[in-house]
Every structure is written in C-alpha cells, then in structure tokens.
Amino acid sequence: MPERCGAAVRAAAVSDLDAMMFLDSLVSANPWSRQSLARYCEPAPADSHCAFVCEVSLSFSGFLIYSRLLDEANIDNVAVSPHYQGRGFGRALLLTALDNMCAIGLKRCMLEVRESNVAARALYENNGFVIDGVRPQYYKTQQGREDALLMSRRL
C-alpha cells in the first residue's frame, strides 16, 4: 500500500485487532466489539468487509473499515489516535480506501458522520463527499442524542 503523510497504510490483519480495539476505545464513546471488528480483518466472501490500518515508525496510528454491498461501499468507522489527529492520517486512510474501492469496481461510497464532528466533515467534504441527508437523533451523546449527516461521493 502507498505511503502518505509519512505513514504506511496497509490492509488490516487479524493480528491488528487488539490495537484496533484499544484505539477505538480511546476515541469512541461507543467502541466496537472484538467480534464486530474481527469480521473486517478476516477474509470475507466477495470482499464484503475491508479494513486498513495506518502505522508510523511501526506505531499503530489509525484504522478505517468499510463494508461493500453490490457496487457500493459504506465507510463504517474511522479512528485515528489522538496523538496523530490533524496530521493527515485520516486522509491517508480515506484515500487508500477510496483507491481500493475504485480498483475493485465500486461506483459509490457512503458514510454517516456526527453533525458536531467538524474535522471529519471537512475531511470528507475536501475529498468529494456531499451531504445527502440527515438521520435525526442517530448518535448517543452525554447530553442525549445527535444527528448523523449522510454523505456520499461517486467513485
């Protein structure tokens, strides 16, 4: 996989699960279970699930997972270590995943993002995603619930 922003991005393996779970617990109020993350790291029928990890000097810095249905992909989670946020690692993961989606013939990529997540929204908008709609009260927060913005882009 290509190196971007000084980070190596590669396909995830089952051996990455512990690092993925730890990172997800650091950055997410509702971290994924081991079983849920595992399906992205294991060989899947027709590449229905895919995961990429990002490393800097052999230090685990982030991951992106997506699922595939027919000719569309859905980015299911992106997590970057707080130490590496704002340094292009999320973009490196996103561009690698989009390249992979194009290479396997997918036509569209979709995702959901918290309305309050300004940094993630900027990342997606700067890489061709547009807002398609809103999923009201989708995410849990400490104060109640928050809307999810539905975004997509053609590949």
Protein backbone atom coordinates (compact mmCIF):
# COMPACT_ATOMS: atom_id res chain seq x y z
CA MET A 1 0.00 0.00 0.00
CA PRO A 2 1.18 3.55 -0.59
CA GLU A 3 2.85 5.72 1.98
CA ARG A 4 1.10 9.02 2.61
CA CYS A 5 1.97 11.78 5.12
CA GLY A 6 4.89 9.69 6.36
CA ALA A 7 2.57 6.85 7.35
CA ALA A 8 2.33 3.37 5.91
CA VAL A 9 -1.25 2.30 5.17
CA ARG A 10 -1.89 -1.40 4.65
CA ALA A 11 -4.68 -3.94 4.73
CA ALA A 12 -5.52 -4.97 8.28
CA ALA A 13 -4.97 -8.47 9.60
CA VAL A 14 -6.48 -10.39 12.50
CA SER A 15 -3.26 -9.64 14.41
CA ASP A 16 -4.26 -5.93 14.35
CA LEU A 17 -7.48 -6.49 16.32
CA ASP A 18 -6.12 -5.68 19.78
CA ALA A 19 -4.63 -2.39 18.58
CA MET A 20 -7.84 -1.52 16.71
CA MET A 21 -9.97 -2.23 19.77
CA PHE A 22 -7.69 -0.21 22.05
CA LEU A 23 -7.68 2.77 19.68
CA ASP A 24 -11.44 2.61 19.19
CA SER A 25 -11.94 2.64 22.97
CA LEU A 26 -9.76 5.80 23.16
CA VAL A 27 -11.66 7.81 20.57
CA SER A 28 -15.21 6.46 20.64
CA ALA A 29 -17.96 6.82 23.22
CA ASN A 30 -19.38 3.52 21.92
CA PRO A 31 -16.45 1.33 20.87
CA TRP A 32 -16.98 -1.66 18.62
CA SER A 33 -16.83 -5.20 19.99
CA ARG A 34 -14.00 -7.56 19.09
CA GLN A 35 -16.41 -9.74 17.14
CA SER A 36 -17.71 -6.78 15.13
CA LEU A 37 -14.22 -5.54 14.22
CA ALA A 38 -12.94 -9.06 13.50
CA ARG A 39 -15.20 -9.54 10.50
CA TYR A 40 -13.40 -6.67 8.75
CA CYS A 41 -9.96 -8.22 9.32
CA GLU A 42 -10.80 -11.77 8.26
CA PRO A 43 -11.17 -12.95 4.69
CA ALA A 44 -14.78 -12.26 3.70
CA PRO A 45 -16.92 -13.61 0.87
CA ALA A 46 -16.68 -11.33 -2.18
CA ASP A 47 -14.66 -8.83 -0.12
CA SER A 48 -17.83 -7.77 1.71
CA HIS A 49 -15.78 -6.22 4.55
CA CYS A 50 -12.43 -4.45 4.38
CA ALA A 51 -10.07 -2.80 6.86
CA PHE A 52 -6.96 -0.66 6.54
CA VAL A 53 -4.52 0.33 9.26
CA CYS A 54 -2.07 3.18 9.42
CA GLU A 55 1.34 2.99 11.08
CA VAL A 56 4.13 5.48 11.68
CA SER A 57 7.54 4.05 12.59
CA LEU A 58 5.76 0.79 13.46
CA SER A 59 3.42 2.66 15.82
CA PHE A 60 -0.28 1.96 15.24
CA SER A 61 -1.93 5.29 14.46
CA GLY A 62 -5.35 4.56 12.96
CA PHE A 63 -7.76 2.39 11.06
CA LEU A 64 -10.64 2.59 8.60
CA ILE A 65 -13.22 -0.10 7.99
CA TYR A 66 -15.80 -0.34 5.25
CA SER A 67 -18.42 -2.76 4.04
CA ARG A 68 -19.46 -3.49 0.50
CA LEU A 69 -22.83 -4.32 -0.98
CA LEU A 70 -23.04 -4.84 -4.73
CA ASP A 71 -21.32 -1.81 -6.30
CA GLU A 72 -21.43 0.47 -3.24
CA ALA A 73 -19.27 0.85 -0.15
CA ASN A 74 -20.14 2.22 3.27
CA ILE A 75 -17.39 3.57 5.50
CA ASP A 76 -18.35 2.12 8.86
CA ASN A 77 -15.65 3.58 11.11
CA VAL A 78 -12.52 5.70 11.00
CA ALA A 79 -10.35 6.07 14.09
CA VAL A 80 -7.08 7.99 14.44
CA SER A 81 -5.02 8.09 17.61
CA PRO A 82 -5.37 11.44 19.43
CA HIS A 83 -1.58 11.84 19.13
CA TYR A 84 -1.81 11.70 15.32
CA GLN A 85 -5.05 13.60 14.71
CA GLY A 86 -4.80 16.64 12.46
CA ARG A 87 -1.66 15.36 10.73
CA GLY A 88 -3.16 13.76 7.61
CA PHE A 89 -3.51 10.19 8.83
CA GLY A 90 -7.30 10.12 8.44
CA ARG A 91 -6.85 11.45 4.91
CA ALA A 92 -4.23 8.77 4.15
CA LEU A 93 -6.63 6.06 5.31
CA LEU A 94 -9.54 7.57 3.37
CA LEU A 95 -7.59 7.95 0.12
CA THR A 96 -6.26 4.40 0.35
CA ALA A 97 -9.76 3.03 0.94
CA LEU A 98 -11.19 5.09 -1.95
CA ASP A 99 -8.39 3.85 -4.24
CA ASN A 100 -9.18 0.29 -3.20
CA MET A 101 -12.91 0.80 -3.82
CA CYS A 102 -12.20 2.12 -7.32
CA ALA A 103 -9.80 -0.73 -8.06
CA ILE A 104 -12.46 -3.34 -7.30
CA GLY A 105 -15.08 -1.57 -9.39
CA LEU A 106 -17.27 0.08 -6.80
CA LYS A 107 -19.31 3.06 -8.01
CA ARG A 108 -20.31 4.95 -4.86
CA CYS A 109 -19.11 5.43 -1.29
CA MET A 110 -21.41 6.44 1.58
CA LEU A 111 -20.94 7.24 5.26
CA GLU A 112 -22.53 8.77 8.33
CA VAL A 113 -20.81 11.39 10.44
CA ARG A 114 -21.77 13.18 13.63
CA GLU A 115 -23.06 16.65 12.85
CA SER A 116 -20.69 18.06 15.51
CA ASN A 117 -17.59 16.34 14.10
CA VAL A 118 -16.28 19.37 12.20
CA ALA A 119 -12.86 17.86 11.45
CA ALA A 120 -14.30 14.67 9.94
CA ARG A 121 -16.86 16.61 7.95
CA ALA A 122 -14.11 18.79 6.50
CA LEU A 123 -12.05 15.71 5.62
CA TYR A 124 -14.96 14.18 3.72
CA GLU A 125 -16.05 17.41 2.02
CA ASN A 126 -12.45 18.12 0.93
CA ASN A 127 -12.37 14.68 -0.67
CA GLY A 128 -15.53 14.97 -2.73
CA PHE A 129 -18.28 13.88 -0.34
CA VAL A 130 -21.55 15.78 -0.27
CA ILE A 131 -24.35 15.78 2.29
CA ASP A 132 -27.31 13.72 1.08
CA GLY A 133 -29.50 13.90 4.16
CA VAL A 134 -29.82 13.73 7.92
CA ARG A 135 -30.54 10.81 10.22
CA PRO A 136 -32.13 12.58 13.22
CA GLN A 137 -31.05 11.68 16.75
CA TYR A 138 -28.83 8.84 15.48
CA TYR A 139 -25.81 9.06 17.80
CA LYS A 140 -25.87 8.84 21.58
CA THR A 141 -24.16 11.67 23.44
CA GLN A 142 -23.67 12.55 27.10
CA GLN A 143 -26.41 15.16 26.70
CA GLY A 144 -28.84 12.91 24.80
CA ARG A 145 -28.70 12.30 21.07
CA GLU A 146 -27.17 13.92 17.99
CA ASP A 147 -27.99 13.91 14.28
CA ALA A 148 -25.94 11.98 11.74
CA LEU A 149 -25.21 13.59 8.40
CA LEU A 150 -25.45 11.19 5.48
CA MET A 151 -22.70 11.79 2.95
CA SER A 152 -21.67 10.15 -0.30
CA ARG A 153 -19.50 10.51 -3.37
CA ARG A 154 -19.20 8.85 -6.75
CA LEU A 155 -16.05 6.83 -7.31
